[in-house]
């Protein structure tokens, strides 16, 4: 079954890992210049590097829908720099998963595939998609919703190790990011992970630098540009998170729930 995942960030990649292991063929679409933070666990890096591997699964950049399909036949995840989803008519996927986490529905519709799944706030099952998967940390994380919306966006990062907003590194000014530390660095509170226009982007807490934008990325003041994990585990920098895999489980459930529609489409 060919599944198109819109987005290539850490949540989208966690979904891709789980669906790939369940036997799905996958094409991911991304921005021409991705802004994923946790780049070591993001298939979006294939746009920048040409190829990337996460948890022993390789994603490669394709330059056309035909090349993308050829890559899936070789057992790879294909990535297209196709923000608008122009590839949809050519690929004709059996399912579409919108995992861009835009907090709103940009352009996803139920008629884009036999099964359409929205991830996170902004989607309403039964209106613009067949199912929504909850992304808010807590009791309902990863739950597949078949009628109604996901919880609204709170604007507050999830609690990890007792920290929420303090985990996020934000650009101190408009300009271009100069990164001083690589992902996986152990940092102390008050340490600079990079600079923008000569101003330091300071870590508020100690832990491991779990993500940061690439060198020379244009940023605006207050833009999310990095992430510190207070648990300090280096393995968290190279493996999909508990949240990503919980959401992925909800997506897989929704695909199986709507498997009847997939069979009807095939017939």
Protein backbone atom coordinates (compact mmCIF):
# COMPACT_ATOMS: atom_id res chain seq x y z
CA UNK A 1 0.00 0.00 0.00
CA UNK A 2 1.37 3.39 -1.00
CA UNK A 3 0.96 6.05 1.68
CA UNK A 4 1.78 9.72 1.12
CA UNK A 5 2.91 11.51 4.29
CA UNK A 6 2.83 15.28 4.08
CA UNK A 7 5.72 16.47 6.24
CA UNK A 8 9.11 15.08 7.13
CA UNK A 9 9.71 16.31 10.68
CA UNK A 10 10.20 14.15 13.75
CA UNK A 11 6.51 13.24 14.17
CA UNK A 12 6.07 12.53 10.45
CA UNK A 13 9.24 10.44 10.50
CA UNK A 14 8.04 8.44 13.52
CA UNK A 15 4.87 7.71 11.55
CA UNK A 16 6.94 6.70 8.54
CA UNK A 17 9.10 4.33 10.61
CA UNK A 18 6.08 2.51 12.00
CA UNK A 19 4.23 2.30 8.66
CA UNK A 20 7.36 1.17 6.81
CA UNK A 21 7.87 -1.64 9.31
CA UNK A 22 4.21 -2.58 8.86
CA UNK A 23 4.82 -3.08 5.14
CA UNK A 24 3.69 0.22 3.61
CA UNK A 25 5.44 1.95 0.70
CA UNK A 26 6.07 5.58 1.57
CA UNK A 27 6.50 8.92 -0.15
CA UNK A 28 7.01 12.00 2.03
CA UNK A 29 6.58 15.58 0.82
CA UNK A 30 8.46 18.48 2.34
CA UNK A 31 9.35 22.15 1.97
CA UNK A 32 12.22 23.00 -0.41
CA UNK A 33 14.04 24.35 2.69
CA UNK A 34 12.85 22.25 5.68
CA UNK A 35 12.80 23.81 9.15
CA UNK A 36 12.78 20.63 11.24
CA UNK A 37 14.61 20.99 14.57
CA UNK A 38 15.35 17.34 15.50
CA UNK A 39 17.18 16.78 12.23
CA UNK A 40 18.93 13.55 13.22
CA UNK A 41 15.54 11.81 13.38
CA UNK A 42 13.87 13.60 10.45
CA UNK A 43 13.52 12.25 6.92
CA UNK A 44 13.22 15.89 5.83
CA UNK A 45 17.04 15.95 5.92
CA UNK A 46 16.97 14.04 2.63
CA UNK A 47 15.96 17.30 0.94
CA UNK A 48 19.11 18.99 2.23
CA UNK A 49 21.54 16.06 2.06
CA UNK A 50 20.10 13.94 -0.75
CA UNK A 51 19.80 10.92 1.55
CA UNK A 52 19.42 10.25 5.26
CA UNK A 53 18.97 7.21 7.50
CA UNK A 54 16.93 7.01 10.70
CA UNK A 55 16.82 3.80 12.75
CA UNK A 56 18.32 1.84 9.82
CA UNK A 57 15.65 3.00 7.36
CA UNK A 58 16.91 5.11 4.46
CA UNK A 59 15.08 7.99 2.82
CA UNK A 60 16.28 9.45 -0.47
CA UNK A 61 15.36 12.63 -2.31
CA UNK A 62 13.37 12.10 -5.49
CA UNK A 63 12.96 14.71 -8.22
CA UNK A 64 9.72 13.45 -9.72
CA UNK A 65 6.76 11.24 -8.76
CA UNK A 66 8.09 8.55 -11.09
CA UNK A 67 11.48 8.57 -9.38
CA UNK A 68 9.75 8.47 -6.00
CA UNK A 69 7.80 5.34 -6.96
CA UNK A 70 10.99 3.73 -8.25
CA UNK A 71 12.69 4.36 -4.91
CA UNK A 72 9.82 2.74 -3.01
CA UNK A 73 10.20 -0.35 -5.20
CA UNK A 74 13.85 -0.47 -4.09
CA UNK A 75 12.73 -0.55 -0.45
CA UNK A 76 13.53 3.06 0.36
CA UNK A 77 11.41 5.90 1.65
CA UNK A 78 11.10 8.58 -1.03
CA UNK A 79 11.09 12.29 -0.23
CA UNK A 80 9.82 14.97 -2.61
CA UNK A 81 10.31 18.71 -2.18
CA UNK A 82 6.65 19.36 -2.93
CA UNK A 83 5.05 21.74 -0.45
CA UNK A 84 1.78 22.03 -2.39
CA UNK A 85 1.28 18.30 -2.96
CA UNK A 86 1.40 18.62 -6.74
CA UNK A 87 2.50 14.97 -6.90
CA UNK A 88 -0.84 13.64 -5.62
CA UNK A 89 -2.54 12.96 -8.97
CA UNK A 90 0.54 11.20 -10.34
CA UNK A 91 1.14 9.05 -7.25
CA UNK A 92 -2.51 8.17 -6.53
CA UNK A 93 -1.71 7.01 -2.96
CA UNK A 94 -4.08 4.70 -1.12
CA UNK A 95 -3.82 6.93 1.93
CA UNK A 96 -2.70 10.48 2.73
CA UNK A 97 -1.42 11.45 6.19
CA UNK A 98 -1.07 15.18 6.85
CA UNK A 99 1.65 15.34 9.52
CA UNK A 100 2.88 18.87 8.85
CA UNK A 101 1.69 19.99 12.31
CA UNK A 102 0.66 23.39 11.01
CA UNK A 103 -2.00 23.67 13.78
CA UNK A 104 -4.54 24.25 10.99
CA UNK A 105 -5.68 22.50 7.86
CA UNK A 106 -3.85 24.13 4.96
CA UNK A 107 -5.22 22.22 1.97
CA UNK A 108 -6.02 18.61 2.95
CA UNK A 109 -9.37 17.17 1.78
CA UNK A 110 -11.15 13.85 2.20
CA UNK A 111 -11.25 13.31 -1.56
CA UNK A 112 -7.46 13.23 -1.95
CA UNK A 113 -7.27 9.49 -1.26
CA UNK A 114 -9.50 6.59 -0.13
CA UNK A 115 -8.26 7.26 3.41
CA UNK A 116 -7.10 10.67 4.65
CA UNK A 117 -5.71 11.13 8.17
CA UNK A 118 -5.00 14.44 9.87
CA UNK A 119 -2.40 14.63 12.63
CA UNK A 120 -2.94 17.08 15.47
CA UNK A 121 -5.10 20.21 15.82
CA UNK A 122 -6.77 21.83 12.83
CA UNK A 123 -8.51 18.72 11.45
CA UNK A 124 -12.03 17.41 12.04
CA UNK A 125 -12.76 13.75 11.38
CA UNK A 126 -15.80 13.39 9.16
CA UNK A 127 -15.35 16.87 7.70
CA UNK A 128 -11.89 17.20 6.10
CA UNK A 129 -10.42 13.78 6.88
CA UNK A 130 -11.50 10.27 7.81
CA UNK A 131 -9.62 10.25 11.12
CA UNK A 132 -7.59 12.57 13.33
CA UNK A 133 -4.77 11.45 15.62
CA UNK A 134 -4.22 13.32 18.89
CA UNK A 135 -0.77 14.86 19.38
CA UNK A 136 -1.24 16.61 22.72
CA UNK A 137 0.77 14.93 25.48
CA UNK A 138 -1.33 13.35 28.18
CA UNK A 139 -4.00 10.70 28.53
CA UNK A 140 -5.23 10.91 24.91
CA UNK A 141 -1.86 11.09 23.12
CA UNK A 142 -1.92 8.89 20.01
CA UNK A 143 -5.66 8.25 20.14
CA UNK A 144 -7.37 7.88 16.75
CA UNK A 145 -10.50 10.04 16.53
CA UNK A 146 -13.18 9.07 14.00
CA UNK A 147 -15.63 11.89 14.66
CA UNK A 148 -14.72 15.43 15.65
CA UNK A 149 -11.44 17.33 16.13
CA UNK A 150 -8.22 16.86 18.04
CA UNK A 151 -7.61 19.00 21.12
CA UNK A 152 -6.87 22.65 20.24
CA UNK A 153 -3.31 23.89 20.25
CA UNK A 154 -2.26 25.24 23.66
CA UNK A 155 0.90 26.93 22.41
CA UNK A 156 2.83 25.34 25.29
CA UNK A 157 5.46 22.64 24.53
CA UNK A 158 4.88 19.29 26.18
CA UNK A 159 6.28 18.62 29.63
CA UNK A 160 9.52 16.64 29.56
CA UNK A 161 11.46 16.18 32.76
CA UNK A 162 9.43 18.94 34.41
CA UNK A 163 10.18 21.54 31.72
CA UNK A 164 7.97 22.97 28.96
CA UNK A 165 8.81 26.32 27.36
CA UNK A 166 12.30 26.25 28.91
CA UNK A 167 13.24 23.36 26.60
CA UNK A 168 12.85 25.44 23.46
CA UNK A 169 15.67 27.55 22.02
CA UNK A 170 14.37 30.61 20.20
CA UNK A 171 16.23 32.96 17.89
CA UNK A 172 17.28 36.12 19.78
CA UNK A 173 16.96 38.32 16.68
CA UNK A 174 16.18 38.40 12.98
CA UNK A 175 19.09 37.19 10.89
CA UNK A 176 21.05 34.05 10.06
CA UNK A 177 21.79 31.35 12.60
CA UNK A 178 25.42 30.53 13.33
CA UNK A 179 25.44 27.19 15.11
CA UNK A 180 28.19 26.63 17.69
CA UNK A 181 27.18 23.18 18.94
CA UNK A 182 26.14 20.00 17.09
CA UNK A 183 23.11 17.92 17.96
CA UNK A 184 24.00 15.51 20.77
CA UNK A 185 26.08 18.04 22.72
CA UNK A 186 25.65 18.09 26.48
CA UNK A 187 24.85 21.67 27.50
CA UNK A 188 24.59 23.67 30.71
CA UNK A 189 22.02 26.32 31.54
CA UNK A 190 23.31 29.67 30.30
CA UNK A 191 25.44 28.15 27.53
CA UNK A 192 25.05 29.49 23.97
CA UNK A 193 24.12 26.92 21.31
CA UNK A 194 24.44 29.48 18.52
CA UNK A 195 24.32 33.14 17.58
CA UNK A 196 22.13 35.37 15.46
CA UNK A 197 23.47 38.79 14.55
CA UNK A 198 26.06 38.48 17.28
CA UNK A 199 23.43 37.75 19.96
CA UNK A 200 23.68 34.40 21.78
CA UNK A 201 20.90 31.80 21.62
CA UNK A 202 21.12 30.66 25.22
CA UNK A 203 20.07 27.32 26.70
CA UNK A 204 17.73 27.94 29.65
CA UNK A 205 18.26 24.46 31.11
CA UNK A 206 20.94 21.77 31.22
CA UNK A 207 20.63 18.57 29.20
CA UNK A 208 21.38 17.31 25.70
CA UNK A 209 20.94 19.43 22.59
CA UNK A 210 18.33 17.25 20.90
CA UNK A 211 17.82 19.49 17.90
CA UNK A 212 18.93 22.71 16.23
CA UNK A 213 18.40 24.28 12.82
CA UNK A 214 21.17 23.90 10.22
CA UNK A 215 23.98 26.40 9.96
CA UNK A 216 23.11 29.61 8.07
CA UNK A 217 19.35 29.14 8.36
CA UNK A 218 17.46 32.46 8.09
CA UNK A 219 15.46 33.02 11.30
CA UNK A 220 13.18 35.62 12.80
CA UNK A 221 13.23 36.81 16.39
CA UNK A 222 11.42 34.30 18.62
CA UNK A 223 11.44 31.55 15.99
CA UNK A 224 11.87 28.05 17.41
CA UNK A 225 15.42 27.11 16.49
CA UNK A 226 16.53 24.37 18.90
CA UNK A 227 15.51 21.94 21.62
CA UNK A 228 17.17 20.80 24.85
CA UNK A 229 16.17 17.49 26.45
CA UNK A 230 16.68 17.75 30.22
CA UNK A 231 16.98 13.97 30.55
CA UNK A 232 20.39 14.18 28.93
CA UNK A 233 20.20 10.80 27.13
CA UNK A 234 22.25 10.75 23.92
CA UNK A 235 20.11 7.90 22.52
CA UNK A 236 17.17 10.31 22.38
CA UNK A 237 18.99 12.23 19.65
CA UNK A 238 19.06 9.31 17.20
CA UNK A 239 15.76 7.51 17.83
CA UNK A 240 12.11 8.41 17.35
CA UNK A 241 10.50 9.83 20.47
CA UNK A 242 7.80 8.24 22.57
CA UNK A 243 5.39 10.90 21.31
CA UNK A 244 6.20 10.24 17.65
CA UNK A 245 5.69 6.50 18.04
CA UNK A 246 2.45 6.98 20.01
CA UNK A 247 1.08 9.18 17.24
CA UNK A 248 2.33 6.67 14.67
CA UNK A 249 0.37 3.95 16.43
CA UNK A 250 -2.79 6.01 16.08
CA UNK A 251 -2.15 6.50 12.37
CA UNK A 252 -1.60 2.77 11.86
CA UNK A 253 -4.82 2.01 13.76
CA UNK A 254 -6.76 4.48 11.59
CA UNK A 255 -5.41 2.87 8.40
CA UNK A 256 -6.51 -0.55 9.61
CA UNK A 257 -9.87 0.83 10.76
CA UNK A 258 -10.54 2.13 7.25
CA UNK A 259 -9.11 -0.95 5.52
CA UNK A 260 -12.59 -1.71 4.18
CA UNK A 261 -12.54 1.55 2.22
CA UNK A 262 -9.10 0.65 0.91
CA UNK A 263 -10.34 -2.74 -0.29
CA UNK A 264 -13.34 -1.16 -1.99
CA UNK A 265 -11.05 1.29 -3.78
CA UNK A 266 -8.82 -1.55 -4.92
CA UNK A 267 -11.83 -3.46 -6.29
